[in-house]
Amino acid sequence: MKTSRFTDSQIMAVLKEAEGGMPVPELCRTHGISNAPFCKWQ
């Protein structure tokens, strides 16, 4: 299985930003990820 390029703490930080109200497309753009990993993390 392929390992994630992001650590657990980085994933948690991105998800907290999303809960804070930041739009998902902008969030993905700033962190350099696509929508697929973001949806998988949720």
PDB file of N, CA and C in Angstrom:
ATOM      1  N   MET A   1       0.840  -1.184   0.000  1.00  0.00           N
ATOM      2  CA  MET A   1       0.000   0.000   0.000  1.00  0.00           C
ATOM      3  C   MET A   1       0.885   1.249   0.000  1.00  0.00           C
ATOM      4  N   LYS A   2       0.494   2.224  -0.774  1.00  0.00           N
ATOM      5  CA  LYS A   2       1.258   3.454  -0.877  1.00  0.00           C
ATOM      6  C   LYS A   2       1.087   4.298   0.391  1.00  0.00           C
ATOM      7  N   THR A   3       2.179   4.853   0.873  1.00  0.00           N
ATOM      8  CA  THR A   3       2.097   5.697   2.057  1.00  0.00           C
ATOM      9  C   THR A   3       1.677   7.106   1.660  1.00  0.00           C
ATOM     10  N   SER A   4       1.052   7.787   2.587  1.00  0.00           N
ATOM     11  CA  SER A   4       0.585   9.138   2.346  1.00  0.00           C
ATOM     12  C   SER A   4       1.756  10.103   2.355  1.00  0.00           C
ATOM     13  N   ARG A   5       1.649  11.128   1.566  1.00  0.00           N
ATOM     14  CA  ARG A   5       2.673  12.151   1.528  1.00  0.00           C
ATOM     15  C   ARG A   5       2.476  13.168   2.663  1.00  0.00           C
ATOM     16  N   PHE A   6       1.342  13.076   3.313  1.00  0.00           N
ATOM     17  CA  PHE A   6       1.015  13.972   4.413  1.00  0.00           C
ATOM     18  C   PHE A   6       0.985  13.207   5.728  1.00  0.00           C
ATOM     19  N   THR A   7       1.436  13.846   6.801  1.00  0.00           N
ATOM     20  CA  THR A   7       1.386  13.208   8.112  1.00  0.00           C
ATOM     21  C   THR A   7      -0.024  13.364   8.679  1.00  0.00           C
ATOM     22  N   ASP A   8      -0.290  12.618   9.726  1.00  0.00           N
ATOM     23  CA  ASP A   8      -1.615  12.703  10.363  1.00  0.00           C
ATOM     24  C   ASP A   8      -1.895  14.103  10.881  1.00  0.00           C
ATOM     25  N   SER A   9      -0.884  14.758  11.425  1.00  0.00           N
ATOM     26  CA  SER A   9      -1.101  16.106  11.957  1.00  0.00           C
ATOM     27  C   SER A   9      -1.400  17.101  10.834  1.00  0.00           C
ATOM     28  N   GLN A  10      -0.776  16.928   9.667  1.00  0.00           N
ATOM     29  CA  GLN A  10      -1.066  17.809   8.533  1.00  0.00           C
ATOM     30  C   GLN A  10      -2.494  17.596   8.039  1.00  0.00           C
ATOM     31  N   ILE A  11      -2.920  16.349   7.988  1.00  0.00           N
ATOM     32  CA  ILE A  11      -4.289  16.041   7.548  1.00  0.00           C
ATOM     33  C   ILE A  11      -5.292  16.654   8.513  1.00  0.00           C
ATOM     34  N   MET A  12      -5.033  16.522   9.804  1.00  0.00           N
ATOM     35  CA  MET A  12      -5.938  17.095  10.809  1.00  0.00           C
ATOM     36  C   MET A  12      -6.000  18.612  10.681  1.00  0.00           C
ATOM     37  N   ALA A  13      -4.881  19.257  10.390  1.00  0.00           N
ATOM     38  CA  ALA A  13      -4.860  20.712  10.238  1.00  0.00           C
ATOM     39  C   ALA A  13      -5.703  21.144   9.039  1.00  0.00           C
ATOM     40  N   VAL A  14      -5.604  20.416   7.931  1.00  0.00           N
ATOM     41  CA  VAL A  14      -6.398  20.738   6.738  1.00  0.00           C
ATOM     42  C   VAL A  14      -7.885  20.567   7.037  1.00  0.00           C
ATOM     43  N   LEU A  15      -8.247  19.486   7.721  1.00  0.00           N
ATOM     44  CA  LEU A  15      -9.659  19.252   8.035  1.00  0.00           C
ATOM     45  C   LEU A  15     -10.201  20.303   8.994  1.00  0.00           C
ATOM     46  N   LYS A  16      -9.382  20.767   9.925  1.00  0.00           N
ATOM     47  CA  LYS A  16      -9.832  21.820  10.845  1.00  0.00           C
ATOM     48  C   LYS A  16     -10.059  23.131  10.102  1.00  0.00           C
ATOM     49  N   GLU A  17      -9.205  23.411   9.104  1.00  0.00           N
ATOM     50  CA  GLU A  17      -9.414  24.610   8.296  1.00  0.00           C
ATOM     51  C   GLU A  17     -10.733  24.516   7.536  1.00  0.00           C
ATOM     52  N   ALA A  18     -11.050  23.327   7.044  1.00  0.00           N
ATOM     53  CA  ALA A  18     -12.310  23.132   6.323  1.00  0.00           C
ATOM     54  C   ALA A  18     -13.494  23.333   7.255  1.00  0.00           C
ATOM     55  N   GLU A  19     -13.381  22.854   8.485  1.00  0.00           N
ATOM     56  CA  GLU A  19     -14.455  23.051   9.460  1.00  0.00           C
ATOM     57  C   GLU A  19     -14.604  24.517   9.815  1.00  0.00           C
ATOM     58  N   GLY A  20     -13.514  25.259   9.723  1.00  0.00           N
ATOM     59  CA  GLY A  20     -13.538  26.681  10.034  1.00  0.00           C
ATOM     60  C   GLY A  20     -14.247  27.524   8.995  1.00  0.00           C
ATOM     61  N   GLY A  21     -14.570  26.929   7.854  1.00  0.00           N
ATOM     62  CA  GLY A  21     -15.339  27.657   6.855  1.00  0.00           C
ATOM     63  C   GLY A  21     -14.575  28.012   5.597  1.00  0.00           C
ATOM     64  N   MET A  22     -13.334  27.579   5.467  1.00  0.00           N
ATOM     65  CA  MET A  22     -12.569  27.864   4.256  1.00  0.00           C
ATOM     66  C   MET A  22     -13.134  27.027   3.106  1.00  0.00           C
ATOM     67  N   PRO A  23     -13.359  27.626   1.944  1.00  0.00           N
ATOM     68  CA  PRO A  23     -13.894  26.868   0.804  1.00  0.00           C
ATOM     69  C   PRO A  23     -12.952  25.746   0.385  1.00  0.00           C
ATOM     70  N   VAL A  24     -13.510  24.600   0.062  1.00  0.00           N
ATOM     71  CA  VAL A  24     -12.716  23.417  -0.254  1.00  0.00           C
ATOM     72  C   VAL A  24     -11.802  23.625  -1.460  1.00  0.00           C
ATOM     73  N   PRO A  25     -12.272  24.214  -2.573  1.00  0.00           N
ATOM     74  CA  PRO A  25     -11.352  24.402  -3.700  1.00  0.00           C
ATOM     75  C   PRO A  25     -10.142  25.271  -3.348  1.00  0.00           C
ATOM     76  N   GLU A  26     -10.374  26.324  -2.572  1.00  0.00           N
ATOM     77  CA  GLU A  26      -9.271  27.193  -2.155  1.00  0.00           C
ATOM     78  C   GLU A  26      -8.336  26.459  -1.202  1.00  0.00           C
ATOM     79  N   LEU A  27      -8.894  25.679  -0.323  1.00  0.00           N
ATOM     80  CA  LEU A  27      -8.111  24.896   0.632  1.00  0.00           C
ATOM     81  C   LEU A  27      -7.214  23.898  -0.091  1.00  0.00           C
ATOM     82  N   CYS A  28      -7.766  23.208  -1.068  1.00  0.00           N
ATOM     83  CA  CYS A  28      -6.990  22.236  -1.842  1.00  0.00           C
ATOM     84  C   CYS A  28      -5.884  22.927  -2.627  1.00  0.00           C
ATOM     85  N   ARG A  29      -6.172  24.084  -3.170  1.00  0.00           N
ATOM     86  CA  ARG A  29      -5.179  24.818  -3.947  1.00  0.00           C
ATOM     87  C   ARG A  29      -4.015  25.271  -3.070  1.00  0.00           C
ATOM     88  N   THR A  30      -4.301  25.770  -1.880  1.00  0.00           N
ATOM     89  CA  THR A  30      -3.233  26.273  -1.023  1.00  0.00           C
ATOM     90  C   THR A  30      -2.345  25.154  -0.485  1.00  0.00           C
ATOM     91  N   HIS A  31      -2.915  23.966  -0.283  1.00  0.00           N
ATOM     92  CA  HIS A  31      -2.136  22.854   0.251  1.00  0.00           C
ATOM     93  C   HIS A  31      -1.585  21.924  -0.825  1.00  0.00           C
ATOM     94  N   GLY A  32      -1.943  22.168  -2.081  1.00  0.00           N
ATOM     95  CA  GLY A  32      -1.400  21.393  -3.185  1.00  0.00           C
ATOM     96  C   GLY A  32      -1.961  19.989  -3.289  1.00  0.00           C
ATOM     97  N   ILE A  33      -3.248  19.836  -2.996  1.00  0.00           N
ATOM     98  CA  ILE A  33      -3.884  18.530  -3.119  1.00  0.00           C
ATOM     99  C   ILE A  33      -5.081  18.651  -4.050  1.00  0.00           C
ATOM    100  N   SER A  34      -5.586  17.530  -4.535  1.00  0.00           N
ATOM    101  CA  SER A  34      -6.800  17.551  -5.347  1.00  0.00           C
ATOM    102  C   SER A  34      -7.993  17.247  -4.443  1.00  0.00           C
ATOM    103  N   ASN A  35      -9.172  17.275  -5.026  1.00  0.00           N
ATOM    104  CA  ASN A  35     -10.378  17.022  -4.229  1.00  0.00           C
ATOM    105  C   ASN A  35     -10.461  15.573  -3.754  1.00  0.00           C
ATOM    106  N   ALA A  36      -9.899  14.635  -4.521  1.00  0.00           N
ATOM    107  CA  ALA A  36     -10.007  13.211  -4.177  1.00  0.00           C
ATOM    108  C   ALA A  36      -9.402  12.882  -2.807  1.00  0.00           C
ATOM    109  N   PRO A  37      -8.150  13.274  -2.524  1.00  0.00           N
ATOM    110  CA  PRO A  37      -7.629  12.957  -1.184  1.00  0.00           C
ATOM    111  C   PRO A  37      -8.401  13.673  -0.080  1.00  0.00           C
ATOM    112  N   PHE A  38      -8.843  14.886  -0.355  1.00  0.00           N
ATOM    113  CA  PHE A  38      -9.598  15.624   0.662  1.00  0.00           C
ATOM    114  C   PHE A  38     -10.888  14.892   1.005  1.00  0.00           C
ATOM    115  N   CYS A  39     -11.588  14.427  -0.013  1.00  0.00           N
ATOM    116  CA  CYS A  39     -12.833  13.698   0.228  1.00  0.00           C
ATOM    117  C   CYS A  39     -12.564  12.379   0.951  1.00  0.00           C
ATOM    118  N   LYS A  40     -11.457  11.748   0.630  1.00  0.00           N
ATOM    119  CA  LYS A  40     -11.088  10.499   1.284  1.00  0.00           C
ATOM    120  C   LYS A  40     -10.772  10.736   2.765  1.00  0.00           C
ATOM    121  N   TRP A  41     -10.156  11.868   3.083  1.00  0.00           N
ATOM    122  CA  TRP A  41      -9.808  12.180   4.472  1.00  0.00           C
ATOM    123  C   TRP A  41     -11.044  12.457   5.303  1.00  0.00           C
ATOM    124  N   GLN A  42     -12.076  13.015   4.685  1.00  0.00           N
ATOM    125  CA  GLN A  42     -13.277  13.342   5.445  1.00  0.00           C
ATOM    126  C   GLN A  42     -13.918  12.071   5.884  1.00  0.00           C
TER     127      GLN A  42
END
